[in-house]
Amino acid sequence: MSKVAAGTWVQIHRVILEAGKRAPQVPPETQAVPLEMRVRGTLARDAVLGDEVEILTAAGRTLRGKLIDAVPRYAHDYGMPVAELVQAGLDLARRHPRKPE
């Protein structure tokens, strides 16, 4: 495995509570899975994926966890367009055209 240098933007993972150890008022399907943490920050010391590491978050917190990714990408989006919302936007634009600047 390749070494990840200190100061690299990384993501860590840690189990906060094991399954069955969660608050008694949570639903059974939630009780059945662990409470997990995934956090991004800068790596404090050189490490290899899978190592237990320390990071400094953007908020200035120091956290420990298993190094799971180096230079993680943001892969979220807003999903597929909803046809009804697209049509509503087009209808609204037709009813209220923008004035030239």
PDB file of N, CA and C in Angstrom:
ATOM      1  N   MET A   1       0.841  -1.190   0.000  1.00  0.00           N
ATOM      2  CA  MET A   1       0.000   0.000   0.000  1.00  0.00           C
ATOM      3  C   MET A   1       0.879   1.244   0.000  1.00  0.00           C
ATOM      4  N   SER A   2       0.348   2.299  -0.563  1.00  0.00           N
ATOM      5  CA  SER A   2       1.143   3.523  -0.633  1.00  0.00           C
ATOM      6  C   SER A   2       0.919   4.388   0.603  1.00  0.00           C
ATOM      7  N   LYS A   3       1.946   5.127   0.933  1.00  0.00           N
ATOM      8  CA  LYS A   3       1.915   5.994   2.104  1.00  0.00           C
ATOM      9  C   LYS A   3       1.135   7.264   1.778  1.00  0.00           C
ATOM     10  N   VAL A   4       0.365   7.735   2.764  1.00  0.00           N
ATOM     11  CA  VAL A   4      -0.359   8.997   2.660  1.00  0.00           C
ATOM     12  C   VAL A   4       0.397   9.993   3.536  1.00  0.00           C
ATOM     13  N   ALA A   5       0.783  11.103   2.948  1.00  0.00           N
ATOM     14  CA  ALA A   5       1.614  12.082   3.653  1.00  0.00           C
ATOM     15  C   ALA A   5       0.806  12.917   4.643  1.00  0.00           C
ATOM     16  N   ALA A   6       1.474  13.294   5.711  1.00  0.00           N
ATOM     17  CA  ALA A   6       0.871  14.201   6.691  1.00  0.00           C
ATOM     18  C   ALA A   6       0.419  15.475   5.971  1.00  0.00           C
ATOM     19  N   GLY A   7      -0.714  16.020   6.386  1.00  0.00           N
ATOM     20  CA  GLY A   7      -1.239  17.228   5.768  1.00  0.00           C
ATOM     21  C   GLY A   7      -2.195  16.963   4.619  1.00  0.00           C
ATOM     22  N   THR A   8      -2.306  15.687   4.185  1.00  0.00           N
ATOM     23  CA  THR A   8      -3.225  15.325   3.102  1.00  0.00           C
ATOM     24  C   THR A   8      -4.662  15.342   3.611  1.00  0.00           C
ATOM     25  N   TRP A   9      -5.584  15.781   2.765  1.00  0.00           N
ATOM     26  CA  TRP A   9      -7.018  15.763   3.077  1.00  0.00           C
ATOM     27  C   TRP A   9      -7.470  14.309   3.003  1.00  0.00           C
ATOM     28  N   VAL A  10      -8.027  13.785   4.101  1.00  0.00           N
ATOM     29  CA  VAL A  10      -8.380  12.365   4.185  1.00  0.00           C
ATOM     30  C   VAL A  10      -9.740  12.186   4.837  1.00  0.00           C
ATOM     31  N   GLN A  11     -10.202  10.942   4.832  1.00  0.00           N
ATOM     32  CA  GLN A  11     -11.441  10.588   5.529  1.00  0.00           C
ATOM     33  C   GLN A  11     -11.148   9.431   6.471  1.00  0.00           C
ATOM     34  N   ILE A  12     -11.697   9.536   7.689  1.00  0.00           N
ATOM     35  CA  ILE A  12     -11.550   8.462   8.664  1.00  0.00           C
ATOM     36  C   ILE A  12     -12.912   7.876   9.001  1.00  0.00           C
ATOM     37  N   HIS A  13     -12.899   6.706   9.633  1.00  0.00           N
ATOM     38  CA  HIS A  13     -14.119   6.010  10.042  1.00  0.00           C
ATOM     39  C   HIS A  13     -13.905   5.474  11.445  1.00  0.00           C
ATOM     40  N   ARG A  14     -14.958   5.532  12.253  1.00  0.00           N
ATOM     41  CA  ARG A  14     -14.905   4.951  13.591  1.00  0.00           C
ATOM     42  C   ARG A  14     -16.305   4.529  14.001  1.00  0.00           C
ATOM     43  N   VAL A  15     -16.422   3.404  14.674  1.00  0.00           N
ATOM     44  CA  VAL A  15     -17.699   2.977  15.241  1.00  0.00           C
ATOM     45  C   VAL A  15     -17.820   3.641  16.605  1.00  0.00           C
ATOM     46  N   ILE A  16     -18.876   4.418  16.788  1.00  0.00           N
ATOM     47  CA  ILE A  16     -19.106   5.137  18.038  1.00  0.00           C
ATOM     48  C   ILE A  16     -19.819   4.231  19.036  1.00  0.00           C
ATOM     49  N   LEU A  17     -20.873   3.553  18.584  1.00  0.00           N
ATOM     50  CA  LEU A  17     -21.618   2.603  19.418  1.00  0.00           C
ATOM     51  C   LEU A  17     -21.861   1.327  18.621  1.00  0.00           C
ATOM     52  N   GLU A  18     -21.577   0.188  19.214  1.00  0.00           N
ATOM     53  CA  GLU A  18     -21.831  -1.093  18.557  1.00  0.00           C
ATOM     54  C   GLU A  18     -23.335  -1.336  18.465  1.00  0.00           C
ATOM     55  N   ALA A  19     -23.737  -2.201  17.546  1.00  0.00           N
ATOM     56  CA  ALA A  19     -25.150  -2.574  17.427  1.00  0.00           C
ATOM     57  C   ALA A  19     -25.627  -3.117  18.772  1.00  0.00           C
ATOM     58  N   GLY A  20     -26.846  -2.726  19.157  1.00  0.00           N
ATOM     59  CA  GLY A  20     -27.405  -3.162  20.429  1.00  0.00           C
ATOM     60  C   GLY A  20     -27.031  -2.288  21.607  1.00  0.00           C
ATOM     61  N   LYS A  21     -26.118  -1.369  21.440  1.00  0.00           N
ATOM     62  CA  LYS A  21     -25.671  -0.497  22.536  1.00  0.00           C
ATOM     63  C   LYS A  21     -26.274   0.903  22.439  1.00  0.00           C
ATOM     64  N   ARG A  22     -27.165   1.095  21.460  1.00  0.00           N
ATOM     65  CA  ARG A  22     -27.732   2.425  21.248  1.00  0.00           C
ATOM     66  C   ARG A  22     -28.838   2.702  22.257  1.00  0.00           C
ATOM     67  N   ALA A  23     -29.300   3.937  22.308  1.00  0.00           N
ATOM     68  CA  ALA A  23     -30.329   4.335  23.264  1.00  0.00           C
ATOM     69  C   ALA A  23     -31.569   3.446  23.126  1.00  0.00           C
ATOM     70  N   PRO A  24     -32.219   3.119  24.254  1.00  0.00           N
ATOM     71  CA  PRO A  24     -33.354   2.182  24.200  1.00  0.00           C
ATOM     72  C   PRO A  24     -34.550   2.701  23.407  1.00  0.00           C
ATOM     73  N   GLN A  25     -34.671   4.008  23.239  1.00  0.00           N
ATOM     74  CA  GLN A  25     -35.835   4.551  22.537  1.00  0.00           C
ATOM     75  C   GLN A  25     -35.708   4.529  21.013  1.00  0.00           C
ATOM     76  N   VAL A  26     -34.543   4.154  20.467  1.00  0.00           N
ATOM     77  CA  VAL A  26     -34.413   4.119  19.009  1.00  0.00           C
ATOM     78  C   VAL A  26     -35.115   2.882  18.463  1.00  0.00           C
ATOM     79  N   PRO A  27     -35.625   2.951  17.242  1.00  0.00           N
ATOM     80  CA  PRO A  27     -36.348   1.822  16.658  1.00  0.00           C
ATOM     81  C   PRO A  27     -35.458   0.577  16.551  1.00  0.00           C
ATOM     82  N   PRO A  28     -36.074  -0.611  16.525  1.00  0.00           N
ATOM     83  CA  PRO A  28     -35.307  -1.864  16.464  1.00  0.00           C
ATOM     84  C   PRO A  28     -34.374  -1.937  15.258  1.00  0.00           C
ATOM     85  N   GLU A  29     -34.810  -1.433  14.103  1.00  0.00           N
ATOM     86  CA  GLU A  29     -33.949  -1.488  12.913  1.00  0.00           C
ATOM     87  C   GLU A  29     -32.716  -0.600  13.073  1.00  0.00           C
ATOM     88  N   THR A  30     -32.833   0.444  13.875  1.00  0.00           N
ATOM     89  CA  THR A  30     -31.687   1.302  14.169  1.00  0.00           C
ATOM     90  C   THR A  30     -30.801   0.643  15.221  1.00  0.00           C
ATOM     91  N   GLN A  31     -31.410   0.012  16.204  1.00  0.00           N
ATOM     92  CA  GLN A  31     -30.655  -0.715  17.233  1.00  0.00           C
ATOM     93  C   GLN A  31     -29.772  -1.803  16.618  1.00  0.00           C
ATOM     94  N   ALA A  32     -30.208  -2.356  15.490  1.00  0.00           N
ATOM     95  CA  ALA A  32     -29.530  -3.500  14.873  1.00  0.00           C
ATOM     96  C   ALA A  32     -28.236  -3.130  14.150  1.00  0.00           C
ATOM     97  N   VAL A  33     -27.966  -1.849  13.997  1.00  0.00           N
ATOM     98  CA  VAL A  33     -26.750  -1.437  13.276  1.00  0.00           C
ATOM     99  C   VAL A  33     -25.907  -0.521  14.164  1.00  0.00           C
ATOM    100  N   PRO A  34     -24.599  -0.514  13.970  1.00  0.00           N
ATOM    101  CA  PRO A  34     -23.755   0.362  14.786  1.00  0.00           C
ATOM    102  C   PRO A  34     -23.917   1.829  14.395  1.00  0.00           C
ATOM    103  N   LEU A  35     -23.616   2.709  15.333  1.00  0.00           N
ATOM    104  CA  LEU A  35     -23.559   4.142  15.055  1.00  0.00           C
ATOM    105  C   LEU A  35     -22.135   4.426  14.592  1.00  0.00           C
ATOM    106  N   GLU A  36     -22.005   4.884  13.348  1.00  0.00           N
ATOM    107  CA  GLU A  36     -20.688   5.074  12.748  1.00  0.00           C
ATOM    108  C   GLU A  36     -20.414   6.542  12.475  1.00  0.00           C
ATOM    109  N   MET A  37     -19.135   6.893  12.468  1.00  0.00           N
ATOM    110  CA  MET A  37     -18.698   8.249  12.187  1.00  0.00           C
ATOM    111  C   MET A  37     -17.755   8.207  10.985  1.00  0.00           C
ATOM    112  N   ARG A  38     -17.963   9.089  10.052  1.00  0.00           N
ATOM    113  CA  ARG A  38     -17.033   9.307   8.946  1.00  0.00           C
ATOM    114  C   ARG A  38     -16.758  10.804   8.915  1.00  0.00           C
ATOM    115  N   VAL A  39     -15.486  11.161   9.004  1.00  0.00           N
ATOM    116  CA  VAL A  39     -15.115  12.574   9.100  1.00  0.00           C
ATOM    117  C   VAL A  39     -13.917  12.828   8.200  1.00  0.00           C
ATOM    118  N   ARG A  40     -13.870  14.030   7.641  1.00  0.00           N
ATOM    119  CA  ARG A  40     -12.744  14.440   6.798  1.00  0.00           C
ATOM    120  C   ARG A  40     -11.918  15.499   7.501  1.00  0.00           C
ATOM    121  N   GLY A  41     -10.633  15.489   7.199  1.00  0.00           N
ATOM    122  CA  GLY A  41      -9.730  16.473   7.772  1.00  0.00           C
ATOM    123  C   GLY A  41      -8.327  16.235   7.246  1.00  0.00           C
ATOM    124  N   THR A  42      -7.357  16.948   7.805  1.00  0.00           N
ATOM    125  CA  THR A  42      -5.972  16.788   7.365  1.00  0.00           C
ATOM    126  C   THR A  42      -5.262  15.796   8.279  1.00  0.00           C
ATOM    127  N   LEU A  43      -4.489  14.924   7.662  1.00  0.00           N
ATOM    128  CA  LEU A  43      -3.781  13.866   8.362  1.00  0.00           C
ATOM    129  C   LEU A  43      -2.644  14.447   9.196  1.00  0.00           C
ATOM    130  N   ALA A  44      -2.564  14.019  10.459  1.00  0.00           N
ATOM    131  CA  ALA A  44      -1.549  14.556  11.366  1.00  0.00           C
ATOM    132  C   ALA A  44      -0.155  13.983  11.089  1.00  0.00           C
ATOM    133  N   ARG A  45      -0.068  12.682  10.754  1.00  0.00           N
ATOM    134  CA  ARG A  45       1.224  12.034  10.505  1.00  0.00           C
ATOM    135  C   ARG A  45       1.092  11.111   9.304  1.00  0.00           C
ATOM    136  N   ASP A  46       2.203  10.832   8.645  1.00  0.00           N
ATOM    137  CA  ASP A  46       2.199   9.884   7.523  1.00  0.00           C
ATOM    138  C   ASP A  46       1.532   8.583   7.965  1.00  0.00           C
ATOM    139  N   ALA A  47       0.779   7.964   7.063  1.00  0.00           N
ATOM    140  CA  ALA A  47       0.068   6.725   7.389  1.00  0.00           C
ATOM    141  C   ALA A  47      -0.221   5.950   6.113  1.00  0.00           C
ATOM    142  N   VAL A  48      -0.811   4.776   6.284  1.00  0.00           N
ATOM    143  CA  VAL A  48      -1.234   3.914   5.187  1.00  0.00           C
ATOM    144  C   VAL A  48      -2.726   3.654   5.380  1.00  0.00           C
ATOM    145  N   LEU A  49      -3.491   3.512   4.287  1.00  0.00           N
ATOM    146  CA  LEU A  49      -4.910   3.200   4.401  1.00  0.00           C
ATOM    147  C   LEU A  49      -5.089   2.005   5.334  1.00  0.00           C
ATOM    148  N   GLY A  50      -6.056   2.119   6.234  1.00  0.00           N
ATOM    149  CA  GLY A  50      -6.311   1.071   7.209  1.00  0.00           C
ATOM    150  C   GLY A  50      -5.687   1.337   8.565  1.00  0.00           C
ATOM    151  N   ASP A  51      -4.706   2.256   8.631  1.00  0.00           N
ATOM    152  CA  ASP A  51      -4.073   2.609   9.903  1.00  0.00           C
ATOM    153  C   ASP A  51      -5.036   3.396  10.785  1.00  0.00           C
ATOM    154  N   GLU A  52      -4.836   3.295  12.095  1.00  0.00           N
ATOM    155  CA  GLU A  52      -5.517   4.151  13.059  1.00  0.00           C
ATOM    156  C   GLU A  52      -4.745   5.473  13.049  1.00  0.00           C
ATOM    157  N   VAL A  53      -5.449   6.584  12.765  1.00  0.00           N
ATOM    158  CA  VAL A  53      -4.768   7.864  12.582  1.00  0.00           C
ATOM    159  C   VAL A  53      -5.467   8.975  13.357  1.00  0.00           C
ATOM    160  N   GLU A  54      -4.819  10.116  13.365  1.00  0.00           N
ATOM    161  CA  GLU A  54      -5.372  11.325  13.953  1.00  0.00           C
ATOM    162  C   GLU A  54      -5.482  12.363  12.844  1.00  0.00           C
ATOM    163  N   ILE A  55      -6.609  13.102  12.838  1.00  0.00           N
ATOM    164  CA  ILE A  55      -6.803  14.166  11.854  1.00  0.00           C
ATOM    165  C   ILE A  55      -7.187  15.454  12.563  1.00  0.00           C
ATOM    166  N   LEU A  56      -7.002  16.556  11.853  1.00  0.00           N
ATOM    167  CA  LEU A  56      -7.465  17.857  12.307  1.00  0.00           C
ATOM    168  C   LEU A  56      -8.580  18.271  11.354  1.00  0.00           C
ATOM    169  N   THR A  57      -9.790  18.462  11.885  1.00  0.00           N
ATOM    170  CA  THR A  57     -10.930  18.812  11.047  1.00  0.00           C
ATOM    171  C   THR A  57     -10.898  20.292  10.687  1.00  0.00           C
ATOM    172  N   ALA A  58     -11.742  20.678   9.735  1.00  0.00           N
ATOM    173  CA  ALA A  58     -11.847  22.083   9.333  1.00  0.00           C
ATOM    174  C   ALA A  58     -12.334  22.947  10.491  1.00  0.00           C
ATOM    175  N   ALA A  59     -13.052  22.333  11.433  1.00  0.00           N
ATOM    176  CA  ALA A  59     -13.543  23.069  12.607  1.00  0.00           C
ATOM    177  C   ALA A  59     -12.502  23.139  13.716  1.00  0.00           C
ATOM    178  N   GLY A  60     -11.323  22.553  13.481  1.00  0.00           N
ATOM    179  CA  GLY A  60     -10.256  22.622  14.460  1.00  0.00           C
ATOM    180  C   GLY A  60     -10.261  21.495  15.485  1.00  0.00           C
ATOM    181  N   ARG A  61     -11.108  20.493  15.309  1.00  0.00           N
ATOM    182  CA  ARG A  61     -11.160  19.356  16.228  1.00  0.00           C
ATOM    183  C   ARG A  61     -10.134  18.311  15.834  1.00  0.00           C
ATOM    184  N   THR A  62      -9.562  17.644  16.810  1.00  0.00           N
ATOM    185  CA  THR A  62      -8.649  16.534  16.574  1.00  0.00           C
ATOM    186  C   THR A  62      -9.424  15.254  16.837  1.00  0.00           C
ATOM    187  N   LEU A  63      -9.480  14.374  15.838  1.00  0.00           N
ATOM    188  CA  LEU A  63     -10.236  13.124  15.957  1.00  0.00           C
ATOM    189  C   LEU A  63      -9.364  11.951  15.540  1.00  0.00           C
ATOM    190  N   ARG A  64      -9.710  10.772  16.057  1.00  0.00           N
ATOM    191  CA  ARG A  64      -9.001   9.541  15.708  1.00  0.00           C
ATOM    192  C   ARG A  64      -9.965   8.581  15.021  1.00  0.00           C
ATOM    193  N   GLY A  65      -9.426   7.779  14.114  1.00  0.00           N
ATOM    194  CA  GLY A  65     -10.217   6.764  13.443  1.00  0.00           C
ATOM    195  C   GLY A  65      -9.364   6.023  12.439  1.00  0.00           C
ATOM    196  N   LYS A  66      -9.987   5.080  11.754  1.00  0.00           N
ATOM    197  CA  LYS A  66      -9.311   4.277  10.735  1.00  0.00           C
ATOM    198  C   LYS A  66      -9.273   5.062   9.427  1.00  0.00           C
ATOM    199  N   LEU A  67      -8.099   5.190   8.857  1.00  0.00           N
ATOM    200  CA  LEU A  67      -7.928   5.918   7.590  1.00  0.00           C
ATOM    201  C   LEU A  67      -8.563   5.098   6.469  1.00  0.00           C
ATOM    202  N   ILE A  68      -9.622   5.658   5.830  1.00  0.00           N
ATOM    203  CA  ILE A  68     -10.320   4.908   4.783  1.00  0.00           C
ATOM    204  C   ILE A  68     -10.186   5.517   3.396  1.00  0.00           C
ATOM    205  N   ASP A  69      -9.744   6.776   3.294  1.00  0.00           N
ATOM    206  CA  ASP A  69      -9.614   7.373   1.970  1.00  0.00           C
ATOM    207  C   ASP A  69      -8.660   8.562   2.020  1.00  0.00           C
ATOM    208  N   ALA A  70      -7.882   8.719   0.976  1.00  0.00           N
ATOM    209  CA  ALA A  70      -7.006   9.875   0.823  1.00  0.00           C
ATOM    210  C   ALA A  70      -7.548  10.727  -0.313  1.00  0.00           C
ATOM    211  N   VAL A  71      -7.631  12.017  -0.107  1.00  0.00           N
ATOM    212  CA  VAL A  71      -8.191  12.976  -1.062  1.00  0.00           C
ATOM    213  C   VAL A  71      -9.570  12.486  -1.534  1.00  0.00           C
ATOM    214  N   PRO A  72     -10.515  12.330  -0.590  1.00  0.00           N
ATOM    215  CA  PRO A  72     -11.843  11.831  -0.953  1.00  0.00           C
ATOM    216  C   PRO A  72     -12.588  12.830  -1.820  1.00  0.00           C
ATOM    217  N   ARG A  73     -13.320  12.308  -2.782  1.00  0.00           N
ATOM    218  CA  ARG A  73     -14.078  13.184  -3.666  1.00  0.00           C
ATOM    219  C   ARG A  73     -15.485  13.383  -3.118  1.00  0.00           C
ATOM    220  N   TYR A  74     -16.101  14.466  -3.510  1.00  0.00           N
ATOM    221  CA  TYR A  74     -17.504  14.718  -3.186  1.00  0.00           C
ATOM    222  C   TYR A  74     -18.324  14.146  -4.330  1.00  0.00           C
ATOM    223  N   ALA A  75     -19.140  13.150  -4.040  1.00  0.00           N
ATOM    224  CA  ALA A  75     -19.881  12.462  -5.090  1.00  0.00           C
ATOM    225  C   ALA A  75     -21.395  12.628  -4.950  1.00  0.00           C
ATOM    226  N   HIS A  76     -21.842  13.579  -4.161  1.00  0.00           N
ATOM    227  CA  HIS A  76     -23.280  13.760  -4.000  1.00  0.00           C
ATOM    228  C   HIS A  76     -23.825  14.698  -5.077  1.00  0.00           C
ATOM    229  N   ASP A  77     -25.099  14.566  -5.332  1.00  0.00           N
ATOM    230  CA  ASP A  77     -25.781  15.462  -6.260  1.00  0.00           C
ATOM    231  C   ASP A  77     -27.243  15.554  -5.837  1.00  0.00           C
ATOM    232  N   TYR A  78     -28.056  16.153  -6.660  1.00  0.00           N
ATOM    233  CA  TYR A  78     -29.464  16.321  -6.316  1.00  0.00           C
ATOM    234  C   TYR A  78     -30.343  15.261  -6.969  1.00  0.00           C
ATOM    235  N   GLY A  79     -29.743  14.225  -7.521  1.00  0.00           N
ATOM    236  CA  GLY A  79     -30.517  13.147  -8.112  1.00  0.00           C
ATOM    237  C   GLY A  79     -31.047  13.511  -9.487  1.00  0.00           C
ATOM    238  N   MET A  80     -31.906  12.651  -9.988  1.00  0.00           N
ATOM    239  CA  MET A  80     -32.498  12.852 -11.314  1.00  0.00           C
ATOM    240  C   MET A  80     -33.515  13.996 -11.261  1.00  0.00           C
ATOM    241  N   PRO A  81     -33.646  14.753 -12.353  1.00  0.00           N
ATOM    242  CA  PRO A  81     -34.639  15.829 -12.382  1.00  0.00           C
ATOM    243  C   PRO A  81     -36.052  15.264 -12.233  1.00  0.00           C
ATOM    244  N   VAL A  82     -36.898  15.997 -11.524  1.00  0.00           N
ATOM    245  CA  VAL A  82     -38.300  15.619 -11.358  1.00  0.00           C
ATOM    246  C   VAL A  82     -39.078  16.344 -12.442  1.00  0.00           C
ATOM    247  N   ALA A  83     -39.702  15.578 -13.332  1.00  0.00           N
ATOM    248  CA  ALA A  83     -40.376  16.147 -14.508  1.00  0.00           C
ATOM    249  C   ALA A  83     -41.378  17.239 -14.130  1.00  0.00           C
ATOM    250  N   GLU A  84     -42.149  17.023 -13.074  1.00  0.00           N
ATOM    251  CA  GLU A  84     -43.161  17.996 -12.661  1.00  0.00           C
ATOM    252  C   GLU A  84     -42.520  19.317 -12.219  1.00  0.00           C
ATOM    253  N   LEU A  85     -41.369  19.226 -11.559  1.00  0.00           N
ATOM    254  CA  LEU A  85     -40.702  20.455 -11.125  1.00  0.00           C
ATOM    255  C   LEU A  85     -40.068  21.191 -12.296  1.00  0.00           C
ATOM    256  N   VAL A  86     -39.536  20.446 -13.247  1.00  0.00           N
ATOM    257  CA  VAL A  86     -38.981  21.078 -14.449  1.00  0.00           C
ATOM    258  C   VAL A  86     -40.088  21.829 -15.175  1.00  0.00           C
ATOM    259  N   GLN A  87     -41.233  21.176 -15.350  1.00  0.00           N
ATOM    260  CA  GLN A  87     -42.362  21.802 -16.049  1.00  0.00           C
ATOM    261  C   GLN A  87     -42.865  23.021 -15.281  1.00  0.00           C
ATOM    262  N   ALA A  88     -42.950  22.927 -13.959  1.00  0.00           N
ATOM    263  CA  ALA A  88     -43.409  24.061 -13.147  1.00  0.00           C
ATOM    264  C   ALA A  88     -42.452  25.245 -13.317  1.00  0.00           C
ATOM    265  N   GLY A  89     -41.144  24.983 -13.353  1.00  0.00           N
ATOM    266  CA  GLY A  89     -40.169  26.049 -13.549  1.00  0.00           C
ATOM    267  C   GLY A  89     -40.313  26.705 -14.905  1.00  0.00           C
ATOM    268  N   LEU A  90     -40.542  25.896 -15.941  1.00  0.00           N
ATOM    269  CA  LEU A  90     -40.729  26.447 -17.292  1.00  0.00           C
ATOM    270  C   LEU A  90     -42.002  27.277 -17.370  1.00  0.00           C
ATOM    271  N   ASP A  91     -43.088  26.779 -16.769  1.00  0.00           N
ATOM    272  CA  ASP A  91     -44.356  27.522 -16.754  1.00  0.00           C
ATOM    273  C   ASP A  91     -44.187  28.862 -16.031  1.00  0.00           C
ATOM    274  N   LEU A  92     -43.500  28.855 -14.912  1.00  0.00           N
ATOM    275  CA  LEU A  92     -43.277  30.075 -14.146  1.00  0.00           C
ATOM    276  C   LEU A  92     -42.436  31.071 -14.944  1.00  0.00           C
ATOM    277  N   ALA A  93     -41.424  30.588 -15.626  1.00  0.00           N
ATOM    278  CA  ALA A  93     -40.566  31.467 -16.435  1.00  0.00           C
ATOM    279  C   ALA A  93     -41.354  32.096 -17.580  1.00  0.00           C
ATOM    280  N   ARG A  94     -42.281  31.344 -18.159  1.00  0.00           N
ATOM    281  CA  ARG A  94     -43.108  31.901 -19.240  1.00  0.00           C
ATOM    282  C   ARG A  94     -44.054  32.967 -18.719  1.00  0.00           C
ATOM    283  N   ARG A  95     -44.596  32.761 -17.526  1.00  0.00           N
ATOM    284  CA  ARG A  95     -45.544  33.716 -16.962  1.00  0.00           C
ATOM    285  C   ARG A  95     -44.871  34.989 -16.453  1.00  0.00           C
ATOM    286  N   HIS A  96     -43.620  34.861 -16.067  1.00  0.00           N
ATOM    287  CA  HIS A  96     -42.879  35.997 -15.487  1.00  0.00           C
ATOM    288  C   HIS A  96     -41.533  36.116 -16.165  1.00  0.00           C
ATOM    289  N   PRO A  97     -41.528  36.572 -17.431  1.00  0.00           N
ATOM    290  CA  PRO A  97     -40.245  36.681 -18.150  1.00  0.00           C
ATOM    291  C   PRO A  97     -39.332  37.718 -17.499  1.00  0.00           C
ATOM    292  N   ARG A  98     -38.044  37.485 -17.614  1.00  0.00           N
ATOM    293  CA  ARG A  98     -37.067  38.431 -17.073  1.00  0.00           C
ATOM    294  C   ARG A  98     -36.980  39.638 -17.983  1.00  0.00           C
ATOM    295  N   LYS A  99     -36.792  40.790 -17.364  1.00  0.00           N
ATOM    296  CA  LYS A  99     -36.628  42.013 -18.150  1.00  0.00           C
ATOM    297  C   LYS A  99     -35.159  42.142 -18.512  1.00  0.00           C
ATOM    298  N   PRO A 100     -34.858  42.596 -19.730  1.00  0.00           N
ATOM    299  CA  PRO A 100     -33.464  42.764 -20.131  1.00  0.00           C
ATOM    300  C   PRO A 100     -32.781  43.778 -19.211  1.00  0.00           C
ATOM    301  N   GLU A 101     -31.523  43.523 -18.923  1.00  0.00           N
ATOM    302  CA  GLU A 101     -30.758  44.437 -18.046  1.00  0.00           C
ATOM    303  C   GLU A 101     -30.119  45.535 -18.818  1.00  0.00           C
TER     304      GLU A 101
END
